[in-house]
Amino acid sequence: MRVPSPLNSDLSEVLGLTESIWPELRGARVLLTGGTGFMGCWLLESLLYANRRFDLGVKAVVLTRDPAAFVRRLPHLAESPVLQLIQGDVLRFPALDGDFTHLIHGATDASARLLEENPRLMFDTIVSGTRGALEFAHEKSVKRALFLSSGAVYGRQPPELQHVSEEWSGAPDCADPRAAYAEGKRAAETLCAIFARQHGVAVSIARCFAFVGPYLKLDAHFAIGNFIRDAMAGGPILVRGDGSPLRSYLYATDLTAWNWHLLLRGDPGVPFNVGSEEAVSIAELAAEVGQVLGGIPFHVKGHADPSREPERYVPSTKRIRTRLGLSQTVSLREGILRTAAWHAG
């Protein structure tokens, strides 16, 4: 199986951060939902890479609505003899033959368009899909499971709260249909806690924030992807808002390593923030992308209101640092460079 360059060095980096845990997956059969998204691609890449490097005897099964599309997009993964593609939808979780040892549930449609046009479908996909995945995990007596949740569960982060921790009890506005994604993830996390306590399903919860790296879409609603796209096209980089919101970005190698640790070592039913603590405003991000990728100019269309505190979406990672010993290893600058290099081919 050919791994796209320059992904080889990134995957070696992931293995360096996870080498001690791979023996726990020896002989495993892993089911992954959401295998075509940003996180799913990285989990598959790293699993198959570790399988070759350590001769783990792993089998991977991906549940996907469109196997043909998976093959077209990821032919180097689809040709792996240890990977099986099964057509199905998490809304109607199919019966799957054989035993499974591990489950990673990440299937969801997080598109802004779906949220606007059909929030009910988005909510149902997250909640019903997670229920089906957890029932599957219980039925198959999987050893460990991981649910890929979102930092969106916190709702609007107060400006005085520099880093939001898992103990903070904020929430989205449940009366706003635009909160369907966030409320769906909240309900799904409750299901994880229920299945952990009531049925003994060892399911960990990753509250994922914002990321950068290969496989990140450059034409979606991700500011950093749009900025890299603009810079690679020669600029200018366009900031459509006022540039004041604060975000943070974890590189894909750290994200992937953290998720593998959470699958195998995370406390069942307990959420862990997954992200970077290094806050950067959207305007500062545009400037950084432009500077890193060749001095590309940027333009901010909106005008910030000095009387209003900027919106924040920045996690505290104290829990994962203290309980699992994990920390960020790749800087934002380096992450931008590697992402652009991958997309440039």
Foldseek 3Di string as FASTA:
>chain_A
DDDDPPCVVLLVLLCVLAVVPCLVCQLFEEEEEPLQAPLNVLLLVNVVVCCVVVVRNYAYEYEAQDVVVVCVVCVVSVPDPRYHYDHDALLCDDDDDDAGAEYEYDDADPAPVCLVVPLPVRLSSLQSSLLSRLVVCLVRVHNWYEYEAALCQQAFDPLVPLAAELPDDHGHDPVDSSCSRNVSRVNSLVVQLCCCPVRVHQYEYEHEYAAFAANDALPGPHLLSVLLVQVVVQDDREAEEAQAEKGFYAYSSLQNSLRVCCRRPNGGSGYAYDTAQDIDTSVRSSCLLCVLSPNHHYDYPYHDDPVDRHTYRGHDRVVCCVRVVGDGDDDPSRRSVNRSVSVVD
